[in-house]
Protein backbone atom coordinates (compact mmCIF):
# COMPACT_ATOMS: atom_id res chain seq x y z
CA UNK A 1 -100.90 79.88 10.66
CA UNK A 2 -102.63 80.09 7.33
CA UNK A 3 -102.18 83.81 6.14
CA UNK A 4 -104.57 83.50 2.84
CA UNK A 5 -106.17 86.98 2.51
CA UNK A 6 -109.86 86.79 1.76
CA UNK A 7 -110.63 90.51 2.93
CA UNK A 8 -108.76 92.63 0.29
CA UNK A 9 -110.40 95.80 -0.52
CA UNK A 10 -112.36 96.02 -3.72
CA UNK A 11 -110.24 97.66 -6.42
CA UNK A 12 -110.92 101.37 -6.62
CA UNK A 13 -112.87 101.84 -9.93
CA UNK A 14 -114.48 105.17 -8.79
CA UNK A 15 -112.50 107.28 -11.09
CA UNK A 16 -112.25 105.29 -14.29
CA UNK A 17 -113.99 106.39 -17.45
CA UNK A 18 -116.12 103.46 -17.57
CA UNK A 19 -117.48 104.09 -13.94
CA UNK A 20 -118.35 107.46 -15.27
CA UNK A 21 -120.13 106.09 -17.99
CA UNK A 22 -122.29 103.76 -15.79
CA UNK A 23 -122.93 106.71 -13.36
CA UNK A 24 -124.26 108.73 -16.07
CA UNK A 25 -126.39 105.76 -17.45
CA UNK A 26 -127.94 105.49 -13.89
CA UNK A 27 -128.39 109.20 -13.47
CA UNK A 28 -130.13 109.32 -17.00
CA UNK A 29 -132.22 106.21 -16.39
CA UNK A 30 -130.84 104.29 -19.13
CA UNK A 31 -130.17 101.54 -16.71
CA UNK A 32 -131.65 100.84 -13.46
CA UNK A 33 -129.41 98.06 -12.40
CA UNK A 34 -125.71 97.58 -13.25
CA UNK A 35 -124.90 94.01 -14.49
CA UNK A 36 -121.57 93.20 -15.77
CA UNK A 37 -119.85 89.84 -16.70
CA UNK A 38 -116.56 88.02 -16.85
CA UNK A 39 -116.33 85.80 -19.82
CA UNK A 40 -113.21 83.63 -19.93
CA UNK A 41 -112.56 81.05 -22.40
CA UNK A 42 -111.77 77.72 -20.37
CA UNK A 43 -108.62 76.93 -22.62
CA UNK A 44 -106.05 77.88 -19.99
CA UNK A 45 -105.39 79.59 -16.66
CA UNK A 46 -106.25 83.04 -16.13
CA UNK A 47 -103.12 85.45 -15.88
CA UNK A 48 -102.19 88.58 -14.41
CA UNK A 49 -103.97 90.47 -17.43
CA UNK A 50 -107.15 88.75 -16.69
CA UNK A 51 -106.63 89.88 -13.04
CA UNK A 52 -107.26 93.45 -14.13
CA UNK A 53 -110.34 92.39 -16.01
CA UNK A 54 -111.60 90.45 -12.83
CA UNK A 55 -111.15 93.38 -10.67
CA UNK A 56 -112.80 95.85 -13.16
CA UNK A 57 -115.94 93.88 -13.97
CA UNK A 58 -116.48 92.55 -10.44
CA UNK A 59 -115.34 95.93 -8.75
CA UNK A 60 -117.65 97.87 -11.11
CA UNK A 61 -120.72 95.68 -10.05
CA UNK A 62 -119.72 96.01 -6.45
CA UNK A 63 -119.41 99.80 -6.71
CA UNK A 64 -122.77 100.44 -8.13
CA UNK A 65 -124.71 97.79 -6.17
CA UNK A 66 -125.18 95.49 -9.18
CA UNK A 67 -124.08 92.06 -10.02
CA UNK A 68 -121.35 90.41 -12.10
CA UNK A 69 -122.07 87.29 -13.95
CA UNK A 70 -119.10 84.46 -14.61
CA UNK A 71 -119.70 82.98 -17.96
CA UNK A 72 -117.42 80.62 -19.64
CA UNK A 73 -117.11 81.29 -23.35
CA UNK A 74 -117.12 77.43 -24.05
CA UNK A 75 -117.40 77.46 -28.03
CA UNK A 76 -114.29 75.73 -28.82
CA UNK A 77 -114.37 72.33 -27.04
CA UNK A 78 -111.30 71.12 -28.59
CA UNK A 79 -109.10 73.30 -26.38
CA UNK A 80 -111.34 73.38 -23.21
CA UNK A 81 -111.37 71.34 -20.10
CA UNK A 82 -113.04 71.07 -16.58
CA UNK A 83 -109.42 71.77 -15.07
CA UNK A 84 -109.33 75.11 -16.64
CA UNK A 85 -112.97 75.92 -15.47
CA UNK A 86 -112.22 74.74 -11.89
CA UNK A 87 -109.11 76.85 -11.91
CA UNK A 88 -110.64 79.83 -13.25
CA UNK A 89 -113.59 79.69 -10.35
CA UNK A 90 -110.65 79.10 -7.89
CA UNK A 91 -108.81 82.37 -9.01
CA UNK A 92 -111.89 84.64 -8.82
CA UNK A 93 -112.75 83.25 -5.22
CA UNK A 94 -109.18 83.65 -4.19
CA UNK A 95 -109.15 87.32 -5.57
CA UNK A 96 -112.17 87.79 -3.12
CA UNK A 97 -114.97 88.07 -5.61
CA UNK A 98 -118.39 86.26 -6.05
CA UNK A 99 -120.16 86.01 -9.08
CA UNK A 100 -124.09 86.45 -9.21
CA UNK A 101 -126.23 83.24 -9.06
CA UNK A 102 -125.15 80.15 -10.73
CA UNK A 103 -122.40 79.97 -13.16
CA UNK A 104 -123.24 80.37 -16.94
CA UNK A 105 -121.84 78.91 -19.91
CA UNK A 106 -122.14 80.06 -23.63
CA UNK A 107 -123.37 76.46 -24.09
CA UNK A 108 -126.32 77.08 -22.07
CA UNK A 109 -127.61 79.09 -25.02
CA UNK A 110 -126.67 76.73 -27.81
CA UNK A 111 -130.24 76.11 -28.77
CA UNK A 112 -131.23 79.74 -28.77
CA UNK A 113 -128.28 80.65 -30.76
CA UNK A 114 -129.12 78.08 -33.17
CA UNK A 115 -132.69 79.59 -33.62
CA UNK A 116 -131.34 82.87 -34.10
CA UNK A 117 -128.87 81.59 -36.79
CA UNK A 118 -131.79 80.16 -38.41
CA UNK A 119 -133.62 83.53 -37.95
CA UNK A 120 -130.77 85.09 -40.03
CA UNK A 121 -130.92 82.59 -42.61
CA UNK A 122 -134.89 83.19 -42.99
CA UNK A 123 -134.30 87.09 -43.15
CA UNK A 124 -131.55 86.60 -45.77
CA UNK A 125 -128.86 87.78 -43.47
CA UNK A 126 -126.90 84.43 -43.50
CA UNK A 127 -125.89 81.62 -45.92
CA UNK A 128 -123.95 78.33 -46.07
CA UNK A 129 -120.65 78.66 -47.88
CA UNK A 130 -118.44 75.99 -49.18
CA UNK A 131 -115.28 77.92 -49.70
CA UNK A 132 -112.10 76.16 -48.08
CA UNK A 133 -110.18 78.03 -45.64
CA UNK A 134 -107.74 79.20 -48.11
CA UNK A 135 -110.30 80.31 -50.57
CA UNK A 136 -112.45 82.26 -47.95
CA UNK A 137 -109.09 84.08 -46.97
CA UNK A 138 -108.34 85.03 -50.48
CA UNK A 139 -112.00 86.01 -51.07
CA UNK A 140 -111.88 88.07 -47.93
CA UNK A 141 -109.44 90.71 -49.38
CA UNK A 142 -107.07 93.05 -47.64
CA UNK A 143 -107.04 96.09 -45.55
CA UNK A 144 -106.55 97.87 -48.58
CA UNK A 145 -108.45 95.97 -51.07
CA UNK A 146 -112.19 94.97 -50.72
CA UNK A 147 -113.26 91.35 -50.65
CA UNK A 148 -115.34 89.86 -53.26
CA UNK A 149 -118.35 87.86 -52.71
CA UNK A 150 -118.46 84.23 -52.39
CA UNK A 151 -119.97 82.16 -55.12
CA UNK A 152 -122.49 80.51 -52.52
CA UNK A 153 -123.66 84.10 -51.24
CA UNK A 154 -126.76 84.01 -53.17
CA UNK A 155 -128.07 80.70 -52.26
CA UNK A 156 -131.83 80.76 -51.77
CA UNK A 157 -133.20 80.79 -48.12
CA UNK A 158 -134.74 77.23 -48.62
CA UNK A 159 -131.36 75.82 -49.75
CA UNK A 160 -129.36 77.42 -46.76
CA UNK A 161 -132.01 76.30 -44.30
CA UNK A 162 -131.60 72.74 -45.65
CA UNK A 163 -127.87 72.98 -45.76
CA UNK A 164 -127.50 74.29 -42.25
CA UNK A 165 -130.07 71.51 -40.97
CA UNK A 166 -127.86 68.88 -42.74
CA UNK A 167 -124.71 70.51 -41.04
CA UNK A 168 -126.34 70.13 -37.70
CA UNK A 169 -127.20 66.54 -38.48
CA UNK A 170 -123.53 65.71 -39.13
CA UNK A 171 -123.80 65.06 -42.81
CA UNK A 172 -120.77 67.03 -43.69
CA UNK A 173 -116.96 66.63 -42.96
CA UNK A 174 -115.40 69.40 -40.75
CA UNK A 175 -114.28 72.23 -42.96
CA UNK A 176 -116.63 71.43 -45.82
CA UNK A 177 -119.18 74.05 -44.94
CA UNK A 178 -119.72 77.01 -42.59
CA UNK A 179 -122.35 79.37 -42.06
CA UNK A 180 -121.71 83.03 -42.66
CA UNK A 181 -123.34 86.30 -41.87
CA UNK A 182 -124.28 88.30 -45.19
CA UNK A 183 -123.10 91.89 -44.28
CA UNK A 184 -120.46 93.82 -46.45
CA UNK A 185 -117.55 92.42 -48.37
CA UNK A 186 -116.31 95.93 -49.25
CA UNK A 187 -116.48 97.00 -45.61
CA UNK A 188 -113.28 98.50 -44.19
CA UNK A 189 -113.78 96.86 -41.06
CA UNK A 190 -112.68 93.22 -41.90
CA UNK A 191 -114.79 91.82 -39.04
CA UNK A 192 -117.89 92.99 -41.23
CA UNK A 193 -116.90 90.89 -44.28
CA UNK A 194 -119.48 88.32 -44.05
CA UNK A 195 -117.99 86.59 -40.99
CA UNK A 196 -118.42 82.88 -39.92
CA UNK A 197 -121.16 82.17 -37.50
CA UNK A 198 -120.71 78.42 -37.29
CA UNK A 199 -118.03 75.67 -38.04
CA UNK A 200 -118.51 71.99 -38.15
CA UNK A 201 -116.52 70.50 -35.15
CA UNK A 202 -117.22 66.70 -34.53
CA UNK A 203 -115.98 66.75 -31.01
CA UNK A 204 -117.21 66.09 -27.56
CA UNK A 205 -118.24 69.13 -25.52
CA UNK A 206 -117.31 69.16 -21.72
CA UNK A 207 -120.98 70.67 -21.17
CA UNK A 208 -123.27 69.45 -23.82
CA UNK A 209 -121.74 66.03 -24.66
CA UNK A 210 -122.24 64.81 -28.12
CA UNK A 211 -125.52 66.95 -28.72
CA UNK A 212 -123.83 69.37 -31.19
CA UNK A 213 -121.44 68.83 -34.18
CA UNK A 214 -121.46 72.63 -35.12
CA UNK A 215 -120.34 75.34 -32.92
CA UNK A 216 -120.94 79.08 -32.98
CA UNK A 217 -117.99 81.41 -33.07
CA UNK A 218 -117.09 83.91 -30.31
CA UNK A 219 -118.56 87.12 -32.19
CA UNK A 220 -121.90 85.32 -32.79
CA UNK A 221 -121.91 84.18 -29.30
CA UNK A 222 -120.94 86.90 -27.10
CA UNK A 223 -123.39 89.71 -27.69
CA UNK A 224 -126.35 87.43 -27.84
CA UNK A 225 -125.29 85.77 -24.48
CA UNK A 226 -125.03 89.32 -23.03
CA UNK A 227 -128.39 90.07 -24.23
CA UNK A 228 -129.86 86.83 -22.65
CA UNK A 229 -128.16 87.64 -19.23
CA UNK A 230 -129.26 91.24 -19.27
CA UNK A 231 -125.86 92.65 -19.26
CA UNK A 232 -125.84 96.42 -19.10
CA UNK A 233 -122.13 96.95 -19.77
CA UNK A 234 -120.21 94.63 -21.75
CA UNK A 235 -116.56 95.50 -20.67
CA UNK A 236 -113.62 94.06 -22.74
CA UNK A 237 -110.15 94.97 -23.84
CA UNK A 238 -109.16 97.20 -26.74
CA UNK A 239 -108.42 94.24 -29.24
CA UNK A 240 -112.25 93.65 -29.52
CA UNK A 241 -113.05 97.51 -30.32
CA UNK A 242 -113.15 96.56 -34.10
CA UNK A 243 -115.47 93.72 -33.27
CA UNK A 244 -118.00 96.11 -31.72
CA UNK A 245 -119.85 96.88 -35.11
CA UNK A 246 -120.40 93.18 -35.63
CA UNK A 247 -121.67 92.88 -31.94
CA UNK A 248 -123.98 95.73 -32.56
CA UNK A 249 -125.15 94.38 -35.96
CA UNK A 250 -126.16 91.05 -34.52
CA UNK A 251 -128.10 92.75 -31.70
CA UNK A 252 -129.82 95.13 -34.21
CA UNK A 253 -130.80 92.17 -36.74
CA UNK A 254 -131.89 89.58 -34.16
CA UNK A 255 -134.96 89.56 -31.63
CA UNK A 256 -132.81 89.75 -28.52
CA UNK A 257 -134.38 90.41 -25.40
CA UNK A 258 -132.13 93.50 -24.44
CA UNK A 259 -129.60 95.69 -25.84
CA UNK A 260 -126.44 95.74 -24.10
CA UNK A 261 -123.47 97.92 -24.73
CA UNK A 262 -119.85 97.24 -25.26
CA UNK A 263 -116.98 99.24 -24.00
CA UNK A 264 -113.20 98.77 -24.41
CA UNK A 265 -110.26 99.37 -22.04
CA UNK A 266 -106.42 99.11 -22.50
CA UNK A 267 -105.25 95.59 -21.56
CA UNK A 268 -102.40 94.94 -19.18
CA UNK A 269 -98.91 94.49 -20.51
CA UNK A 270 -96.13 93.70 -18.06
CA UNK A 271 -92.57 93.62 -18.94
CA UNK A 272 -90.70 90.64 -18.41
CA UNK A 273 -93.87 88.81 -19.08
CA UNK A 274 -95.54 86.69 -21.46
CA UNK A 275 -99.43 86.81 -21.20
CA UNK A 276 -100.39 84.95 -24.58
CA UNK A 277 -102.29 81.81 -23.51
CA UNK A 278 -100.82 79.98 -26.58
CA UNK A 279 -97.31 80.75 -25.14
CA UNK A 280 -97.91 80.01 -21.79
CA UNK A 281 -99.24 76.54 -23.01
CA UNK A 282 -95.82 76.16 -24.87
CA UNK A 283 -94.00 76.76 -21.66
CA UNK A 284 -96.30 74.07 -20.01
CA UNK A 285 -96.21 71.37 -22.80
CA UNK A 286 -92.50 71.78 -23.35
CA UNK A 287 -91.91 71.36 -19.56
CA UNK A 288 -90.15 74.82 -19.31
CA UNK A 289 -92.28 75.18 -16.16
CA UNK A 290 -93.81 72.59 -14.04
CA UNK A 291 -97.26 73.42 -14.94
CA UNK A 292 -99.77 76.32 -15.40
CA UNK A 293 -99.63 77.17 -11.50
CA UNK A 294 -95.66 77.04 -11.44
CA UNK A 295 -94.76 79.87 -9.31
CA UNK A 296 -92.77 81.47 -12.04
CA UNK A 297 -95.88 81.59 -14.43
CA UNK A 298 -97.92 84.92 -14.62
CA UNK A 299 -101.08 83.00 -14.10
CA UNK A 300 -103.01 84.00 -11.11
CA UNK A 301 -102.65 80.39 -9.85
CA UNK A 302 -98.93 80.74 -10.19
CA UNK A 303 -98.74 84.03 -8.58
CA UNK A 304 -100.74 82.65 -5.67
CA UNK A 305 -98.49 79.73 -5.23
CA UNK A 306 -95.56 82.12 -5.43
CA UNK A 307 -96.89 83.93 -2.46
CA UNK A 308 -98.81 86.68 -3.83
CA UNK A 309 -101.80 88.01 -1.71
CA UNK A 310 -105.32 88.63 -3.11
CA UNK A 311 -104.65 92.30 -1.60
CA UNK A 312 -101.57 92.63 -3.45
CA UNK A 313 -103.06 91.77 -6.69
CA UNK A 314 -105.90 93.93 -6.21
CA UNK A 315 -103.95 96.84 -5.10
CA UNK A 316 -101.87 96.58 -8.24
CA UNK A 317 -104.54 96.65 -10.52
CA UNK A 318 -105.99 99.50 -8.45
CA UNK A 319 -102.34 101.25 -9.01
CA UNK A 320 -102.35 100.96 -12.76
CA UNK A 321 -105.76 102.30 -13.40
CA UNK A 322 -108.03 101.86 -16.22
CA UNK A 323 -107.71 103.85 -19.50
CA UNK A 324 -108.54 103.85 -23.04
CA UNK A 325 -105.01 102.92 -24.35
CA UNK A 326 -102.61 99.83 -24.19
CA UNK A 327 -99.44 100.46 -22.34
CA UNK A 328 -96.43 98.57 -20.99
CA UNK A 329 -96.47 98.41 -17.23
CA UNK A 330 -93.21 98.03 -15.31
CA UNK A 331 -92.96 94.80 -13.37
CA UNK A 332 -91.43 96.85 -10.56
CA UNK A 333 -95.06 98.14 -9.90
CA UNK A 334 -96.27 94.85 -9.54
CA UNK A 335 -93.19 93.80 -7.14
CA UNK A 336 -94.02 97.08 -5.18
CA UNK A 337 -97.55 96.15 -4.56
CA UNK A 338 -96.60 92.91 -3.27
CA UNK A 339 -93.57 93.84 -1.19
CA UNK A 340 -95.59 96.77 0.48
CA UNK A 341 -98.69 94.32 1.28
CA UNK A 342 -96.15 91.59 2.78
CA UNK A 343 -94.09 94.15 4.77
CA UNK A 344 -97.14 95.52 6.31
CA UNK A 345 -98.95 92.21 7.12
CA UNK A 346 -96.67 89.19 6.77
CA UNK A 347 -95.57 87.34 10.17
CA UNK A 348 -91.76 87.45 10.97
CA UNK A 349 -89.99 84.22 11.30
CA UNK A 350 -86.51 82.68 11.58
CA UNK A 351 -84.60 80.87 8.47
CA UNK A 352 -80.98 80.32 8.28
CA UNK A 353 -80.10 79.65 4.40
CA UNK A 354 -76.37 79.34 4.79
CA UNK A 355 -75.83 77.95 8.07
CA UNK A 356 -72.69 78.39 10.53
CA UNK A 357 -72.77 76.73 13.86
CA UNK A 358 -72.04 78.66 16.90
CA UNK A 359 -71.35 76.92 20.09
CA UNK A 360 -72.08 78.86 23.31
CA UNK A 361 -69.66 77.25 25.56
CA UNK A 362 -70.91 78.74 28.98
CA UNK A 363 -74.12 76.89 28.53
CA UNK A 364 -74.62 73.28 29.46
CA UNK A 365 -74.58 70.61 26.52
CA UNK A 366 -78.43 70.00 27.52
CA UNK A 367 -79.26 73.59 27.77
CA UNK A 368 -82.99 74.16 26.40
CA UNK A 369 -84.78 77.37 27.00
CA UNK A 370 -87.98 78.50 25.30
CA UNK A 371 -88.01 82.09 24.15
CA UNK A 372 -91.23 83.75 23.52
CA UNK A 373 -91.23 85.87 20.28
CA UNK A 374 -93.94 87.82 18.51
CA UNK A 375 -94.79 87.11 14.98
CA UNK A 376 -94.81 90.88 14.15
CA UNK A 377 -93.57 93.86 16.11
CA UNK A 378 -96.78 95.96 15.42
CA UNK A 379 -99.54 93.68 14.43
CA UNK A 380 -101.25 91.04 16.79
CA UNK A 381 -100.31 88.10 14.88
CA UNK A 382 -99.78 85.91 17.84
CA UNK A 383 -96.34 84.45 19.09
CA UNK A 384 -94.53 81.28 19.31
CA UNK A 385 -91.85 79.72 21.59
CA UNK A 386 -88.37 79.36 19.97
CA UNK A 387 -85.79 76.79 21.46
CA UNK A 388 -82.76 78.41 22.50
CA UNK A 389 -79.76 75.76 22.84
CA UNK A 390 -76.12 75.64 23.52
CA UNK A 391 -75.47 75.06 19.75
CA UNK A 392 -77.30 77.25 17.15
CA UNK A 393 -76.90 78.13 13.50
CA UNK A 394 -76.50 81.76 12.33
CA UNK A 395 -75.95 82.96 8.56
CA UNK A 396 -72.18 82.49 7.33
CA UNK A 397 -72.34 86.23 6.10
CA UNK A 398 -72.80 87.36 9.81
CA UNK A 399 -69.60 86.44 10.95
CA UNK A 400 -66.08 88.09 9.97
CA UNK A 401 -62.71 86.90 11.15
CA UNK A 402 -61.70 90.39 11.69
CA UNK A 403 -63.38 93.61 12.74
CA UNK A 404 -63.83 96.68 10.30
CA UNK A 405 -66.04 99.53 10.42
CA UNK A 406 -67.41 98.14 6.96
CA UNK A 407 -68.67 95.08 9.01
CA UNK A 408 -69.17 96.76 12.41
CA UNK A 409 -72.48 95.06 12.76
CA UNK A 410 -71.21 91.68 12.17
CA UNK A 411 -70.16 88.96 14.59
CA UNK A 412 -66.31 89.12 15.10
CA UNK A 413 -64.00 87.60 17.95
CA UNK A 414 -64.06 89.94 20.94
CA UNK A 415 -67.38 91.61 19.72
CA UNK A 416 -70.94 91.00 20.80
CA UNK A 417 -74.02 90.64 18.81
CA UNK A 418 -77.56 90.19 19.77
CA UNK A 419 -79.55 87.07 18.57
CA UNK A 420 -83.00 88.17 17.60
CA UNK A 421 -85.65 87.74 20.48
CA UNK A 422 -82.93 86.37 22.65
CA UNK A 423 -79.60 87.02 24.39
CA UNK A 424 -76.39 88.81 23.51
CA UNK A 425 -73.42 86.65 22.82
CA UNK A 426 -69.74 87.26 22.27
CA UNK A 427 -67.55 85.23 20.01
CA UNK A 428 -64.15 83.99 21.39
CA UNK A 429 -62.58 81.79 18.81
CA UNK A 430 -63.34 79.76 15.51
CA UNK A 431 -62.42 76.81 13.57
CA UNK A 432 -61.60 76.65 9.74
CA UNK A 433 -61.67 73.75 7.35
CA UNK A 434 -58.64 72.93 5.01
CA UNK A 435 -60.13 75.20 2.55
CA UNK A 436 -59.95 78.15 4.97
CA UNK A 437 -63.60 78.47 5.34
CA UNK A 438 -64.91 79.23 8.99
CA UNK A 439 -66.97 76.10 9.94
CA UNK A 440 -67.50 76.72 13.66
CA UNK A 441 -67.62 79.75 15.97
CA UNK A 442 -67.38 79.56 19.78
CA UNK A 443 -68.98 82.14 21.99
CA UNK A 444 -70.07 83.05 25.34
CA UNK A 445 -73.60 84.15 26.54
CA UNK A 446 -73.80 87.62 28.34
CA UNK A 447 -75.87 86.90 31.21
CA UNK A 448 -79.06 88.92 32.04
CA UNK A 449 -79.37 90.26 28.26
CA UNK A 450 -82.72 88.59 27.27
CA UNK A 451 -84.56 91.62 26.02
CA UNK A 452 -82.24 94.08 27.59
CA UNK A 453 -78.82 95.45 27.04
CA UNK A 454 -75.55 94.09 28.88
CA UNK A 455 -75.01 95.63 32.33
CA UNK A 456 -71.48 96.59 31.60
CA UNK A 457 -72.60 99.13 28.86
CA UNK A 458 -70.68 97.24 26.16
CA UNK A 459 -73.76 96.95 23.81
CA UNK A 460 -73.86 94.87 20.59
CA UNK A 461 -73.76 96.76 17.36
CA UNK A 462 -76.15 94.40 15.30
CA UNK A 463 -78.79 91.86 15.53
CA UNK A 464 -78.66 88.42 13.66
CA UNK A 465 -81.24 85.63 13.05
CA UNK A 466 -80.61 82.25 14.29
CA UNK A 467 -82.01 78.89 14.46
CA UNK A 468 -81.52 76.06 17.27
CA UNK A 469 -78.97 73.42 15.80
CA UNK A 470 -80.78 70.65 17.74
CA UNK A 471 -84.23 71.69 17.40
CA UNK A 472 -84.30 73.49 14.13
CA UNK A 473 -85.95 71.87 10.99
CA UNK A 474 -84.50 71.24 7.61
CA UNK A 475 -86.65 72.85 5.06
CA UNK A 476 -86.63 72.95 1.06
CA UNK A 477 -86.39 76.59 -0.08
CA UNK A 478 -87.26 77.19 -3.84
CA UNK A 479 -85.56 80.16 -5.00
CA UNK A 480 -87.46 81.85 -7.74
CA UNK A 481 -86.36 84.57 -10.13
CA UNK A 482 -87.97 85.97 -13.30
CA UNK A 483 -88.62 83.63 -15.94
CA UNK A 484 -87.40 85.81 -18.86
CA UNK A 485 -84.07 87.71 -19.15
CA UNK A 486 -85.53 90.28 -21.80
CA UNK A 487 -88.02 92.88 -20.98
CA UNK A 488 -90.13 92.19 -24.06
CA UNK A 489 -89.67 88.42 -24.73
CA UNK A 490 -92.43 87.82 -27.08
CA UNK A 491 -91.86 91.31 -29.03
CA UNK A 492 -88.50 90.42 -30.30
CA UNK A 493 -87.44 89.08 -33.78
CA UNK A 494 -86.31 85.62 -32.25
CA UNK A 495 -88.36 83.01 -30.51
CA UNK A 496 -89.64 84.15 -26.97
CA UNK A 497 -88.25 80.72 -25.64
CA UNK A 498 -84.66 82.08 -26.25
CA UNK A 499 -85.10 84.38 -23.46
CA UNK A 500 -86.13 81.95 -20.87
CA UNK A 501 -83.94 82.34 -17.70
CA UNK A 502 -82.41 78.93 -17.29
CA UNK A 503 -81.52 79.78 -13.68
CA UNK A 504 -84.99 80.95 -12.74
CA UNK A 505 -85.14 78.00 -10.06
CA UNK A 506 -82.82 77.11 -7.53
CA UNK A 507 -83.41 74.49 -4.80
CA UNK A 508 -81.53 74.72 -1.47
CA UNK A 509 -82.01 73.35 2.02
CA UNK A 510 -82.14 75.71 5.09
CA UNK A 511 -82.87 75.54 8.47
CA UNK A 512 -86.17 76.98 9.87
CA UNK A 513 -87.43 77.47 13.50
CA UNK A 514 -89.72 74.38 14.31
CA UNK A 515 -93.07 76.43 14.40
CA UNK A 516 -92.70 76.69 10.51
CA UNK A 517 -93.03 73.00 10.08
CA UNK A 518 -96.75 73.01 11.33
CA UNK A 519 -98.08 76.25 9.53
CA UNK A 520 -100.77 75.61 6.88
CA UNK A 521 -100.15 75.75 3.14
CA UNK A 522 -100.00 79.35 1.60
CA UNK A 523 -98.93 80.92 4.94
CA UNK A 524 -96.83 83.91 4.00
CA UNK A 525 -93.79 85.14 6.16
CA UNK A 526 -90.97 87.34 6.23
CA UNK A 527 -87.84 85.27 6.91
CA UNK A 528 -86.08 87.93 8.70
CA UNK A 529 -83.19 89.47 6.80
CA UNK A 530 -83.80 87.02 4.06
CA UNK A 531 -86.83 87.58 2.22
CA UNK A 532 -90.58 86.96 1.89
CA UNK A 533 -91.47 83.09 1.53
CA UNK A 534 -94.72 81.17 1.38
CA UNK A 535 -95.36 77.72 2.30
CA UNK A 536 -96.03 75.66 -0.72
CA UNK A 537 -99.74 75.19 -1.70
CA UNK A 538 -99.31 71.40 -2.24
CA UNK A 539 -95.93 70.13 -1.32
CA UNK A 540 -95.44 71.71 2.44
CA UNK A 541 -95.74 69.17 5.10
CA UNK A 542 -94.80 68.94 8.60
CA UNK A 543 -92.21 66.06 7.88
CA UNK A 544 -90.81 68.24 4.95
CA UNK A 545 -91.41 71.77 4.88
CA UNK A 546 -91.35 73.67 1.62
CA UNK A 547 -91.18 77.21 1.19
CA UNK A 548 -91.11 79.25 -1.94
CA UNK A 549 -89.42 82.73 -2.33
CA UNK A 550 -91.97 85.25 -3.10
CA UNK A 551 -89.93 88.28 -3.14
CA UNK A 552 -86.77 89.97 -1.81
CA UNK A 553 -86.85 92.37 1.01
CA UNK A 554 -85.66 95.27 -1.15
CA UNK A 555 -85.63 96.03 -4.75
CA UNK A 556 -81.74 96.43 -4.46
CA UNK A 557 -80.55 93.05 -2.93
CA UNK A 558 -77.12 94.90 -2.03
CA UNK A 559 -79.28 97.12 0.32
CA UNK A 560 -80.09 94.04 2.52
CA UNK A 561 -76.37 93.98 3.76
CA UNK A 562 -76.22 94.73 7.46
């Protein structure tokens, strides 16, 4: 039973401020078709913050009957790879979205961008600069002091054209020269102080091979790529707000085929979470986690492996909304969206994590009875047959040596308990080991109680989950907790690595009902009275089932006490 959800509802974008802008643009005739884009850099896996952007950009296109392009901003080949490209495509598809037409790459436009760079040189709006990185930083000035012109700023058009052509031909070393726009070194906006357009990078590119040894930077690539693709609404996070004047300057000074507009929204910041790609990469490189898709990682691939569903992620993005300001979101909201979805939709199954053997003495040693059990009490998710045998496992916490009102729903000598989907049994005695731990319980089955209460009226107080001791399957459970112990691990004085939770993963062996051995990868379940689990995307196998703890049944674990 594979429970992967591909029918999640589109995130509700109808009320956000960008949707209102788009509606006004349609009503006023500024645009006739809405075209958005999602432009990730293929230098890492997408994280939960990207999920918000994915839902917004693709959701807006769906809402207004438009289209959304997927365009990889592949202008920095040193840090990019096909692995990241494939992962990003998988993440978007898993979330339930489909990009319009073929996938786009910024590198598709390298020839055109180069021609436009030449155009800026010819119009006197760009020049080749020989300043080193340190010198350029000094010349740039500060937030309170204007920059000063580069000594190479007034090179002639002919000299700049010659030098730029030689840069492209590979005559100069990396860092020897850059191409800069000639704008305003006194601008209060640092991005307008003669920004770099091209750098020399003598590296192989995953799409263009060795054709280029100069690469455009993000600011020079982004707006023009939007124009080439006819993007009507370029939606990005607030850190690009100060880049918008530069975005618009390029569009105004180049013969671009369209005039897209940029709109910014607040990025998603989640407590107990790090979303910096650089820091996520450090977690991977230093083997704090097992990879980008480790279930403790806030990447979409990691969340997927943890057991998140597309619907839960999209519902969460809908819950937090879209605003013009950054803010910190309580991770409990994400956990609520996940728990709510799984509570409503996940099949139920049996798993005993801390097994205690129960011998039902009034059954023969070879007793085997198949008990029918629905996977969900309200939804039509099918059913399975559970083997009921003389020896079963229950959880150790479900047995108490002495009865008390505090534990009135527990199994105690002389008291009855119902086995979920099965019979009522009554404990008669128990054995202990040398340390005083109960290691075996003896019980009797109360006849005629399959699906009904005892005829004598002595009804059980509680219900426990169980697994056949002879037919149950040992399974590996990976018990995950939050990766960080601090609510803001990357906003403290120390290194964020200091707040890594060293106990964020525990691996135990549990007993599961045999039907769970044959479920497909990424099958979500509520292990009754234990929590929500998912069969591992890669490691689960019939001969060695592996389940990851997705989330507990309730926010306060003490509330799960029966």
